[in-house]
Amino acid sequence: MLATAPDFDVLIVGAGISGIGMAAHLEMECPGRSYAIVERRENLGGTWDLFRYPGIRSDSDMHTLGFVFEPWKHEKSIADAPAILDYLNTIVDERDIRKHIRYSQKVISADWRSDDARWHVTIEQADGSQTRMTANFLYLASGYYDYDEAYDPGFEFGDFKGQVVHPQFWPDDLDYSGKKVVVIGSGATAVTIVPSMADKAGHVTMLQRTPTWMFSRPAKDAIANFLRKILPEKTAYKITRWKNIKLQDIGFKRARGKPEKVKQALKKRIVKALGTNYDDATFTPPYNPWEQRLCLVPDDDLFEAMKSGKASVVTAKISKFSENGIELDNGETLEADIIITATGLKLAVGGKIAVSQDGAPVDFAERFYYKGCMFSNLPNLAVVFGYLNASWTLRADINSEYVCRLLNLMEKRGSDVAVPVLPADHQLEEDDIFDFSSGYIQRSKHIMPKNSVTYPWRLNQEYIHDRKIMQEGPVGDGLISLHKAGANAVEPEQQLEAAE
């Protein structure tokens, strides 16, 4: 065995939903394991602490964005950021996780060293100095987008005299009372910002190049709130969670199988909400539902803002920015005091950490996913990349549970190393699982890890199927090697002898 122990058994990078979820699972399922969470920001929460724009909220229900182990107790199932942060803070306090979190610590690099079976991690402190720590297992819960840079569509604002704001870097002192605001974009962020700013702004215009499919639903889940009145909290939550998971799955598959019927159903809801204000061209995207994520409109808030005259949607391309607004390709001009560029995120893999293996840089784009959790031939590292067609936390939960099972098996076997072994002559057929037309997906395919057409070498997109395999399938599947430090078997056949 190793002569000296690492600083921690498990190092979790990121104190957002994924990191806090992993810590909670460790507390429940691997109570003997030491761990720490390193968080680059000064607060926990990840996305829900970073974004400060008006109305910031979940775009999926909290019965599936919430954890499997912690019931969502608020009346609204479509929750704002403060409610989500309250939920996360309750978890870290009640489960004694807070003492494990180290804030203002940015992971710069992580090198796996086979000789001592641990990750050597370089961390930058708030003052710019660097420290190092070691861990046997590295869990990357750093999200999926670049915290430092937003997507830049290349706008040249030229002579525009107003203020330009990106939602990812929202200023605390932005005063938009009585002002003309143009929000460029038609995704979830724009659909959230427009109705939230409409109450104070003089007028808010959502400028979209192409429409987005929108789905209207109540912010409160009546069935969930009824069940909470007649059943124990955990039972009601379990039933509601499963109901919503099934509805998400049915809705996605129906959209892919019968897109025209789903289009009609989505439009019917919008027509009902807008009445005579409905314009078909404004709400008819050039793609089928669920070829991009649906935009949630809770309680018809966007449509109510449009009916009141406080908000409008314009479909056109930008010709140029003028002193007082935006000139469009249709000859019209949108006057603006403030322009908000809700044009999307820039994706990043593994928090942009410089990952290496015995000093050799690791290119994730050359590795295959293993069970949507680990990577081919990369030891003791797991990551979370949530579902495109369902809530992020669904994957975070099953990945955390799987890693805990793996850690327990390693302990049982006296193993220090767990590596999914993929021979160089694997003959795997690659698959494009990111068949979404969303710009942020298409722009980032070149940095994404590889996927096979067959499980387990893929990031699957079907939670119900994944959950069954990850929870019930054997950890030792004949593909993952478990061995001790220094047992550097060269042949895959030798490595696989250690797995069960």
Protein backbone atom coordinates (compact mmCIF):
# COMPACT_ATOMS: atom_id res chain seq x y z
CA MET A 1 0.00 0.00 0.00
CA LEU A 2 1.02 3.67 -0.25
CA ALA A 3 3.67 4.83 2.22
CA THR A 4 1.88 8.13 2.87
CA ALA A 5 -1.78 9.00 2.53
CA PRO A 6 -2.96 11.80 0.21
CA ASP A 7 -4.34 14.97 1.74
CA PHE A 8 -7.85 13.75 0.90
CA ASP A 9 -9.43 10.59 -0.41
CA VAL A 10 -11.70 12.65 -2.66
CA LEU A 11 -11.27 16.20 -3.91
CA ILE A 12 -14.44 17.80 -5.29
CA VAL A 13 -13.99 20.78 -7.60
CA GLY A 14 -16.97 23.13 -7.41
CA ALA A 15 -19.53 23.91 -4.71
CA GLY A 16 -22.57 24.14 -6.96
CA ILE A 17 -25.34 21.58 -7.28
CA SER A 18 -23.02 18.82 -8.53
CA GLY A 19 -20.34 19.32 -5.88
CA ILE A 20 -22.73 19.62 -2.96
CA GLY A 21 -24.58 16.55 -4.23
CA MET A 22 -21.36 14.52 -4.32
CA ALA A 23 -20.45 15.61 -0.80
CA ALA A 24 -23.89 14.60 0.49
CA HIS A 25 -23.59 11.18 -1.12
CA LEU A 26 -20.12 10.71 0.40
CA GLU A 27 -21.53 11.55 3.82
CA MET A 28 -24.30 8.99 3.38
CA GLU A 29 -22.56 6.21 1.51
CA CYS A 30 -18.81 6.55 2.22
CA PRO A 31 -18.67 8.04 5.73
CA GLY A 32 -15.09 6.88 6.26
CA ARG A 33 -13.69 8.76 3.28
CA SER A 34 -12.03 12.14 3.75
CA TYR A 35 -12.95 14.85 1.26
CA ALA A 36 -12.77 18.56 0.52
CA ILE A 37 -14.64 20.87 -1.83
CA VAL A 38 -12.62 23.63 -3.49
CA GLU A 39 -14.65 26.50 -4.88
CA ARG A 40 -13.20 29.37 -6.93
CA ARG A 41 -15.92 31.80 -5.88
CA GLU A 42 -16.55 33.31 -2.46
CA ASN A 43 -19.91 31.57 -2.07
CA LEU A 44 -21.46 28.22 -2.82
CA GLY A 45 -24.15 27.75 -5.45
CA GLY A 46 -22.27 27.83 -8.75
CA THR A 47 -24.66 29.04 -11.46
CA TRP A 48 -27.17 30.25 -8.89
CA ASP A 49 -24.63 32.50 -7.22
CA LEU A 50 -22.89 33.69 -10.40
CA PHE A 51 -25.92 34.95 -12.33
CA ARG A 52 -27.56 38.04 -10.86
CA TYR A 53 -29.82 39.23 -13.66
CA PRO A 54 -33.47 40.08 -12.91
CA GLY A 55 -35.71 37.05 -12.47
CA ILE A 56 -32.92 34.44 -12.50
CA ARG A 57 -34.72 31.11 -11.99
CA SER A 58 -34.67 27.44 -12.86
CA ASP A 59 -35.86 26.43 -16.31
CA SER A 60 -36.98 23.02 -15.05
CA ASP A 61 -38.98 21.94 -12.04
CA MET A 62 -37.26 21.69 -8.66
CA HIS A 63 -38.64 18.22 -8.04
CA THR A 64 -36.13 16.99 -10.62
CA LEU A 65 -33.55 19.78 -10.32
CA GLY A 66 -33.59 19.04 -6.59
CA PHE A 67 -31.68 16.06 -5.20
CA VAL A 68 -33.11 12.59 -4.85
CA PHE A 69 -32.27 12.65 -1.11
CA GLU A 70 -33.60 16.11 -0.20
CA PRO A 71 -37.28 17.01 -0.76
CA TRP A 72 -38.09 20.35 -2.34
CA LYS A 73 -40.37 22.06 0.18
CA HIS A 74 -41.19 25.39 -1.44
CA GLU A 75 -44.65 26.00 -2.89
CA LYS A 76 -43.27 27.00 -6.29
CA SER A 77 -41.66 24.22 -8.31
CA ILE A 78 -40.18 26.77 -10.74
CA ALA A 79 -37.86 28.50 -8.33
CA ASP A 80 -35.80 31.66 -8.32
CA ALA A 81 -32.11 31.74 -7.45
CA PRO A 82 -32.57 32.84 -3.81
CA ALA A 83 -34.85 29.86 -3.14
CA ILE A 84 -32.39 27.47 -4.78
CA LEU A 85 -29.49 28.91 -2.76
CA ASP A 86 -31.56 28.53 0.40
CA TYR A 87 -32.13 24.86 -0.50
CA LEU A 88 -28.39 24.28 -1.03
CA ASN A 89 -27.40 26.11 2.14
CA THR A 90 -29.85 24.03 4.15
CA ILE A 91 -28.26 20.85 2.81
CA VAL A 92 -24.67 21.86 3.59
CA ASP A 93 -25.64 22.90 7.13
CA GLU A 94 -27.89 19.98 8.03
CA ARG A 95 -25.42 17.44 6.63
CA ASP A 96 -22.29 19.05 8.11
CA ILE A 97 -20.78 19.72 4.69
CA ARG A 98 -19.92 23.41 5.12
CA LYS A 99 -16.73 22.73 7.08
CA HIS A 100 -15.37 20.82 4.06
CA ILE A 101 -15.73 23.76 1.64
CA ARG A 102 -12.71 25.94 0.84
CA TYR A 103 -13.67 29.15 -0.92
CA SER A 104 -11.67 31.43 -3.25
CA GLN A 105 -9.57 28.50 -4.42
CA LYS A 106 -9.29 28.04 -8.16
CA VAL A 107 -7.92 24.75 -9.48
CA ILE A 108 -5.33 25.49 -12.15
CA SER A 109 -3.98 22.03 -12.93
CA ALA A 110 -4.26 18.41 -11.88
CA ASP A 111 -1.68 15.73 -12.69
CA TRP A 112 -2.32 12.04 -12.08
CA ARG A 113 0.85 10.30 -10.96
CA SER A 114 0.80 6.57 -11.29
CA ASP A 115 3.72 5.97 -8.93
CA ASP A 116 1.80 7.18 -5.89
CA ALA A 117 -1.76 6.75 -7.25
CA ARG A 118 -2.96 10.25 -6.58
CA TRP A 119 -3.80 13.55 -8.18
CA HIS A 120 -1.39 16.41 -7.56
CA VAL A 121 -3.54 19.51 -7.75
CA THR A 122 -2.34 23.11 -8.10
CA ILE A 123 -4.65 25.72 -6.63
CA GLU A 124 -4.58 29.49 -7.01
CA GLN A 125 -5.55 31.51 -3.95
CA ALA A 126 -7.41 34.81 -3.98
CA ASP A 127 -4.12 36.72 -3.60
CA GLY A 128 -2.61 35.01 -6.66
CA SER A 129 -0.36 32.65 -4.72
CA GLN A 130 -0.43 28.94 -5.42
CA THR A 131 -0.70 25.92 -3.16
CA ARG A 132 -0.79 22.21 -3.84
CA MET A 133 -2.78 19.34 -2.46
CA THR A 134 -3.15 15.68 -3.26
CA ALA A 135 -6.16 13.41 -3.55
CA ASN A 136 -6.69 9.81 -4.55
CA PHE A 137 -9.89 10.59 -6.47
CA LEU A 138 -10.84 13.77 -8.35
CA TYR A 139 -14.47 14.71 -8.90
CA LEU A 140 -15.00 17.58 -11.35
CA ALA A 141 -18.25 19.32 -10.47
CA SER A 142 -17.32 22.56 -12.18
CA GLY A 143 -20.29 22.81 -14.53
CA TYR A 144 -20.32 23.02 -18.30
CA TYR A 145 -19.59 26.61 -19.23
CA ASP A 146 -16.80 29.16 -19.01
CA TYR A 147 -17.14 31.35 -15.91
CA ASP A 148 -14.56 33.84 -17.21
CA GLU A 149 -15.86 34.44 -20.73
CA ALA A 150 -19.33 34.53 -22.24
CA TYR A 151 -19.99 33.69 -25.87
CA ASP A 152 -19.04 36.62 -28.07
CA PRO A 153 -21.07 36.73 -31.32
CA GLY A 154 -18.77 39.42 -32.66
CA PHE A 155 -21.05 42.43 -32.25
CA GLU A 156 -19.48 45.80 -33.11
CA PHE A 157 -21.38 48.36 -31.06
CA GLY A 158 -19.77 51.27 -32.89
CA ASP A 159 -21.40 54.59 -32.02
CA PHE A 160 -24.00 53.20 -29.59
CA LYS A 161 -24.12 55.64 -26.67
CA GLY A 162 -26.12 53.48 -24.28
CA GLN A 163 -25.07 50.70 -21.92
CA VAL A 164 -24.27 47.14 -23.04
CA VAL A 165 -24.68 44.32 -20.53
CA HIS A 166 -24.15 40.57 -20.71
CA PRO A 167 -26.31 38.55 -18.29
CA GLN A 168 -23.29 36.58 -17.05
CA PHE A 169 -21.68 39.80 -15.79
CA TRP A 170 -24.67 41.74 -14.54
CA PRO A 171 -23.74 45.03 -12.79
CA ASP A 172 -25.14 45.50 -9.30
CA ASP A 173 -26.03 49.13 -9.94
CA LEU A 174 -27.86 48.87 -13.27
CA ASP A 175 -30.76 51.32 -13.25
CA TYR A 176 -33.24 50.55 -16.01
CA SER A 177 -36.26 52.35 -14.59
CA GLY A 178 -38.26 53.96 -17.39
CA LYS A 179 -35.63 53.07 -19.98
CA LYS A 180 -35.89 51.39 -23.36
CA VAL A 181 -34.26 47.96 -23.17
CA VAL A 182 -33.46 45.59 -26.01
CA VAL A 183 -32.61 42.00 -25.08
CA ILE A 184 -30.80 40.22 -27.92
CA GLY A 185 -31.57 36.52 -27.85
CA SER A 186 -34.46 34.11 -27.60
CA GLY A 187 -33.21 31.43 -25.21
CA ALA A 188 -34.02 30.74 -21.57
CA THR A 189 -32.09 33.76 -20.30
CA ALA A 190 -33.86 36.22 -22.59
CA VAL A 191 -37.26 34.69 -21.87
CA THR A 192 -36.57 35.15 -18.15
CA ILE A 193 -35.14 38.67 -18.32
CA VAL A 194 -37.79 40.29 -20.53
CA PRO A 195 -40.85 39.89 -18.24
CA SER A 196 -38.73 40.49 -15.12
CA MET A 197 -37.51 43.88 -16.37
CA ALA A 198 -40.82 44.91 -17.91
CA ASP A 199 -42.34 46.12 -14.64
CA LYS A 200 -39.74 48.88 -14.14
CA ALA A 201 -38.43 49.55 -17.66
CA GLY A 202 -40.18 51.90 -20.05
CA HIS A 203 -40.33 49.07 -22.60
CA VAL A 204 -38.44 45.82 -23.16
CA THR A 205 -37.99 44.32 -26.62
CA MET A 206 -36.76 40.80 -27.17
CA LEU A 207 -34.88 40.83 -30.47
CA GLN A 208 -34.63 37.32 -31.88
CA ARG A 209 -32.90 36.19 -35.03
CA THR A 210 -35.04 33.04 -35.00
CA PRO A 211 -37.92 32.06 -32.70
CA THR A 212 -37.66 29.45 -29.95
CA TRP A 213 -40.21 26.83 -28.97
CA MET A 214 -41.81 27.94 -25.72
CA PHE A 215 -43.67 25.90 -23.16
CA SER A 216 -46.06 27.55 -20.76
CA ARG A 217 -46.87 26.01 -17.38
CA PRO A 218 -47.78 27.12 -13.84
CA ALA A 219 -44.89 27.93 -11.50
CA LYS A 220 -46.70 25.94 -8.80
CA ASP A 221 -47.21 22.18 -9.17
CA ALA A 222 -50.75 21.67 -7.88
CA ILE A 223 -50.36 17.89 -7.63
CA ALA A 224 -47.11 18.21 -5.69
CA ASN A 225 -48.60 20.68 -3.23
CA PHE A 226 -51.69 18.49 -2.75
CA LEU A 227 -49.57 15.39 -2.10
CA ARG A 228 -47.53 17.28 0.49
CA LYS A 229 -50.72 17.94 2.43
CA ILE A 230 -51.82 14.31 2.61
CA LEU A 231 -48.55 12.35 2.59
CA PRO A 232 -45.24 12.42 4.44
CA GLU A 233 -42.79 14.90 2.89
CA LYS A 234 -40.40 12.32 1.47
CA THR A 235 -43.17 10.17 0.04
CA ALA A 236 -44.86 13.11 -1.65
CA TYR A 237 -41.53 14.26 -3.08
CA LYS A 238 -40.68 10.80 -4.38
CA ILE A 239 -44.03 10.49 -6.17
CA THR A 240 -43.84 14.01 -7.66
CA ARG A 241 -40.25 13.53 -8.75
CA TRP A 242 -41.05 10.29 -10.56
CA LYS A 243 -44.17 11.84 -12.13
CA ASN A 244 -42.13 14.70 -13.55
CA ILE A 245 -39.32 12.45 -14.73
CA LYS A 246 -41.82 10.33 -16.66
CA LEU A 247 -43.56 13.38 -18.11
CA GLN A 248 -40.20 14.81 -19.26
CA ASP A 249 -39.31 11.50 -20.87
CA ILE A 250 -42.70 11.11 -22.57
CA GLY A 251 -42.64 14.71 -23.79
CA PHE A 252 -39.15 14.43 -25.26
CA LYS A 253 -39.88 11.16 -27.04
CA ARG A 254 -43.19 12.44 -28.36
CA ALA A 255 -41.47 15.55 -29.73
CA ARG A 256 -38.94 13.40 -31.55
CA GLY A 257 -41.52 10.90 -32.79
CA LYS A 258 -44.48 13.17 -33.60
CA PRO A 259 -43.08 16.71 -33.91
CA GLU A 260 -46.09 18.17 -35.76
CA LYS A 261 -48.50 17.22 -32.98
CA VAL A 262 -46.19 18.68 -30.35
CA LYS A 263 -45.89 21.89 -32.38
CA GLN A 264 -49.68 22.20 -32.44
CA ALA A 265 -49.93 21.61 -28.69
CA LEU A 266 -47.24 24.19 -27.87
CA LYS A 267 -48.80 26.81 -30.15
CA LYS A 268 -52.26 26.16 -28.70
CA ARG A 269 -51.03 27.16 -25.25
CA ILE A 270 -49.41 30.34 -26.53
CA VAL A 271 -52.51 31.31 -28.53
CA LYS A 272 -54.61 30.82 -25.41
CA ALA A 273 -52.28 33.08 -23.43
CA LEU A 274 -51.85 35.83 -26.03
CA GLY A 275 -55.20 35.83 -27.79
CA THR A 276 -55.28 38.50 -30.51
CA ASN A 277 -51.68 39.44 -29.73
CA TYR A 278 -50.47 36.11 -31.11
CA ASP A 279 -48.32 36.24 -34.25
CA ASP A 280 -47.52 32.86 -35.77
CA ALA A 281 -44.19 33.88 -37.31
CA THR A 282 -42.94 35.08 -33.92
CA PHE A 283 -43.52 31.70 -32.31
CA THR A 284 -42.67 29.28 -35.13
CA PRO A 285 -39.00 28.20 -35.06
CA PRO A 286 -37.34 26.69 -38.16
CA TYR A 287 -36.66 23.44 -36.24
CA ASN A 288 -38.69 20.82 -34.43
CA PRO A 289 -39.41 20.90 -30.68
CA TRP A 290 -36.58 19.46 -28.57
CA GLU A 291 -33.99 19.88 -31.29
CA GLN A 292 -33.14 22.65 -28.85
CA ARG A 293 -34.28 22.89 -25.23
CA LEU A 294 -37.79 24.22 -24.80
CA CYS A 295 -38.00 27.66 -23.17
CA LEU A 296 -40.17 27.60 -20.08
CA VAL A 297 -42.63 30.46 -19.56
CA PRO A 298 -43.94 30.08 -15.99
CA ASP A 299 -47.37 31.51 -15.29
CA ASP A 300 -47.41 33.03 -18.81
CA ASP A 301 -45.23 35.89 -17.50
CA LEU A 302 -43.69 36.73 -20.88
CA PHE A 303 -47.07 36.66 -22.59
CA GLU A 304 -48.67 38.81 -19.88
CA ALA A 305 -45.90 41.39 -20.31
CA MET A 306 -46.54 41.40 -24.06
CA LYS A 307 -50.30 41.83 -23.63
CA SER A 308 -49.76 44.74 -21.24
CA GLY A 309 -47.71 46.54 -23.87
CA LYS A 310 -44.64 46.60 -21.62
CA ALA A 311 -42.77 44.03 -23.74
CA SER A 312 -42.62 42.95 -27.36
CA VAL A 313 -40.83 40.41 -29.53
CA VAL A 314 -39.19 41.36 -32.82
CA THR A 315 -37.84 38.83 -35.31
CA ALA A 316 -35.06 40.25 -37.48
CA LYS A 317 -31.32 40.33 -38.03
CA ILE A 318 -29.03 43.14 -36.92
CA SER A 319 -27.61 45.37 -39.64
CA LYS A 320 -25.64 47.65 -37.32
CA PHE A 321 -25.68 49.47 -34.01
CA SER A 322 -26.39 53.19 -34.15
CA GLU A 323 -26.07 55.93 -31.53
CA ASN A 324 -29.55 55.35 -30.18
CA GLY A 325 -30.23 51.69 -30.85
CA ILE A 326 -30.16 48.91 -33.42
CA GLU A 327 -30.81 49.09 -37.15
CA LEU A 328 -32.42 45.91 -38.47
CA ASP A 329 -32.22 44.16 -41.82
CA ASN A 330 -35.90 44.90 -42.45
CA GLY A 331 -35.25 48.65 -42.38
CA GLU A 332 -36.67 49.22 -38.91
CA THR A 333 -34.77 50.74 -35.99
CA LEU A 334 -35.10 49.68 -32.36
CA GLU A 335 -34.36 52.53 -29.98
CA ALA A 336 -32.45 51.46 -26.89
CA ASP A 337 -30.93 52.97 -23.77
CA ILE A 338 -29.66 49.56 -22.68
CA ILE A 339 -28.76 46.54 -24.81
CA ILE A 340 -28.55 43.15 -23.14
CA THR A 341 -26.67 40.46 -25.08
CA ALA A 342 -28.38 37.24 -23.97
CA THR A 343 -26.57 35.44 -26.77
CA GLY A 344 -25.53 32.30 -24.97
CA LEU A 345 -22.75 30.64 -23.05
CA LYS A 346 -19.32 29.43 -23.97
CA LEU A 347 -18.85 25.80 -23.04
CA ALA A 348 -15.83 24.49 -21.16
CA VAL A 349 -14.80 20.94 -20.25
CA GLY A 350 -13.64 20.17 -16.73
CA GLY A 351 -13.58 23.78 -15.61
CA LYS A 352 -10.70 24.53 -18.02
CA ILE A 353 -8.37 22.72 -15.61
CA ALA A 354 -5.08 21.61 -17.18
CA VAL A 355 -5.46 17.88 -16.58
CA SER A 356 -2.48 15.64 -17.20
CA GLN A 357 -1.52 12.01 -16.68
CA ASP A 358 2.04 11.35 -15.57
CA GLY A 359 2.93 14.75 -16.97
CA ALA A 360 1.30 14.23 -20.40
CA PRO A 361 -1.61 16.62 -21.13
CA VAL A 362 -5.04 15.02 -21.31
CA ASP A 363 -7.21 16.03 -24.27
CA PHE A 364 -10.77 15.12 -23.29
CA ALA A 365 -11.81 15.34 -26.95
CA GLU A 366 -9.67 12.23 -27.54
CA ARG A 367 -11.21 10.23 -24.69
CA PHE A 368 -14.44 8.28 -24.68
CA TYR A 369 -16.99 8.79 -21.94
CA TYR A 370 -17.44 5.80 -19.67
CA LYS A 371 -20.97 5.49 -18.23
CA GLY A 372 -21.39 9.24 -18.68
CA CYS A 373 -19.19 9.63 -15.63
CA MET A 374 -15.53 8.67 -16.20
CA PHE A 375 -13.19 8.62 -19.22
CA SER A 376 -11.32 5.93 -21.10
CA ASN A 377 -7.90 5.11 -19.65
CA LEU A 378 -8.00 8.00 -17.18
CA PRO A 379 -7.74 6.81 -13.56
CA ASN A 380 -9.70 8.00 -10.55
CA LEU A 381 -11.49 10.90 -12.19
CA ALA A 382 -15.21 11.51 -12.60
CA VAL A 383 -17.18 14.43 -13.98
CA VAL A 384 -20.77 15.68 -14.24
CA PHE A 385 -22.31 16.81 -17.51
CA GLY A 386 -26.07 16.88 -17.07
CA TYR A 387 -28.82 15.94 -19.46
CA LEU A 388 -29.73 18.10 -22.43
CA ASN A 389 -33.32 16.85 -22.35
CA ALA A 390 -33.93 16.77 -18.59
CA SER A 391 -32.75 18.33 -15.32
CA TRP A 392 -29.02 18.56 -14.60
CA THR A 393 -29.29 17.07 -11.12
CA LEU A 394 -30.66 13.77 -12.39
CA ARG A 395 -27.21 12.95 -13.78
CA ALA A 396 -25.42 14.50 -10.81
CA ASP A 397 -27.27 12.14 -8.45
CA ILE A 398 -26.64 8.91 -10.34
CA ASN A 399 -22.99 9.79 -10.99
CA SER A 400 -22.43 10.52 -7.30
CA GLU A 401 -24.07 7.25 -6.31
CA TYR A 402 -21.97 5.34 -8.82
CA VAL A 403 -18.69 6.90 -7.66
CA CYS A 404 -19.56 6.03 -4.06
CA ARG A 405 -20.19 2.41 -5.09
CA LEU A 406 -16.87 2.43 -6.90
CA LEU A 407 -15.02 3.86 -3.90
CA ASN A 408 -16.54 1.23 -1.63
CA LEU A 409 -15.50 -1.55 -3.99
CA MET A 410 -11.98 -0.12 -4.17
CA GLU A 411 -11.82 -0.13 -0.38
CA LYS A 412 -13.10 -3.70 -0.23
CA ARG A 413 -10.45 -4.79 -2.73
CA GLY A 414 -7.65 -2.75 -1.22
CA SER A 415 -7.31 -0.92 -4.54
CA ASP A 416 -5.93 2.57 -5.05
CA VAL A 417 -6.63 2.82 -8.78
CA ALA A 418 -9.81 2.52 -10.84
CA VAL A 419 -9.49 3.04 -14.57
CA PRO A 420 -11.92 2.25 -17.42
CA VAL A 421 -9.70 0.32 -19.84
CA LEU A 422 -10.19 0.87 -23.57
CA PRO A 423 -7.63 -0.87 -25.82
CA ALA A 424 -6.07 1.16 -28.63
CA ASP A 425 -7.65 -1.16 -31.21
CA HIS A 426 -11.13 -0.80 -29.69
CA GLN A 427 -13.05 -0.45 -33.00
CA LEU A 428 -15.79 1.60 -31.33
CA GLU A 429 -18.21 3.33 -33.66
CA GLU A 430 -18.61 6.98 -32.71
CA ASP A 431 -21.99 8.61 -32.20
CA ASP A 432 -23.09 12.23 -32.20
CA ILE A 433 -25.22 12.37 -29.08
CA PHE A 434 -25.21 16.16 -29.21
CA ASP A 435 -27.67 16.24 -32.09
CA PHE A 436 -29.17 19.46 -30.73
CA SER A 437 -29.07 22.47 -33.02
CA SER A 438 -28.44 24.89 -30.14
CA GLY A 439 -25.61 27.27 -30.94
CA TYR A 440 -23.70 26.63 -27.71
CA ILE A 441 -23.68 22.90 -28.47
CA GLN A 442 -22.69 23.20 -32.11
CA ARG A 443 -19.91 25.70 -31.34
CA SER A 444 -18.34 23.39 -28.78
CA LYS A 445 -18.41 19.95 -30.36
CA HIS A 446 -14.69 20.06 -31.05
CA ILE A 447 -13.86 20.14 -27.33
CA MET A 448 -16.39 17.52 -26.21
CA PRO A 449 -15.33 13.96 -25.26
CA LYS A 450 -16.16 11.12 -27.64
CA ASN A 451 -19.22 8.89 -27.53
CA SER A 452 -19.77 5.40 -28.84
CA VAL A 453 -23.05 4.15 -30.24
CA THR A 454 -23.02 1.49 -27.52
CA TYR A 455 -23.11 1.75 -23.75
CA PRO A 456 -21.04 2.13 -21.56
CA TRP A 457 -18.68 4.22 -23.71
CA ARG A 458 -21.09 7.14 -24.02
CA LEU A 459 -22.87 10.00 -22.29
CA ASN A 460 -26.36 8.62 -22.62
CA GLN A 461 -29.39 10.90 -22.93
CA GLU A 462 -32.05 8.73 -21.31
CA TYR A 463 -32.18 9.10 -17.53
CA ILE A 464 -34.54 6.22 -16.74
CA HIS A 465 -32.29 3.80 -18.63
CA ASP A 466 -29.12 5.27 -17.09
CA ARG A 467 -30.50 5.18 -13.57
CA LYS A 468 -31.27 1.48 -13.77
CA ILE A 469 -27.83 0.57 -15.12
CA MET A 470 -25.87 2.84 -12.79
CA GLN A 471 -27.72 1.71 -9.67
CA GLU A 472 -28.27 -1.97 -10.43
CA GLY A 473 -25.47 -2.92 -12.80
CA PRO A 474 -22.22 -4.30 -11.37
CA VAL A 475 -19.45 -1.80 -10.77
CA GLY A 476 -16.97 -4.41 -11.93
CA ASP A 477 -18.22 -4.88 -15.47
CA GLY A 478 -15.09 -6.38 -17.00
CA LEU A 479 -14.08 -2.99 -18.37
CA ILE A 480 -12.89 -1.14 -15.30
CA SER A 481 -9.58 -2.15 -13.77
CA LEU A 482 -9.13 -2.02 -10.01
CA HIS A 483 -5.57 -2.40 -8.77
CA LYS A 484 -3.03 -1.13 -6.26
CA ALA A 485 -0.50 1.61 -6.79
CA GLY A 486 2.52 0.32 -8.67
CA ALA A 487 0.57 -2.51 -10.28
CA ASN A 488 1.24 -1.05 -13.71
CA ALA A 489 -0.09 -3.83 -15.87
CA VAL A 490 0.51 -3.11 -19.54
CA GLU A 491 -1.86 -5.54 -21.18
CA PRO A 492 -5.60 -4.89 -20.78
CA GLU A 493 -6.09 -8.59 -19.98
CA GLN A 494 -3.79 -8.23 -16.98
CA GLN A 495 -5.54 -5.10 -15.80
CA LEU A 496 -8.98 -6.63 -16.00
CA GLU A 497 -8.04 -9.47 -13.68
CA ALA A 498 -8.49 -7.10 -10.74
CA ALA A 499 -12.05 -6.14 -11.62
CA GLU A 500 -15.06 -8.01 -10.37
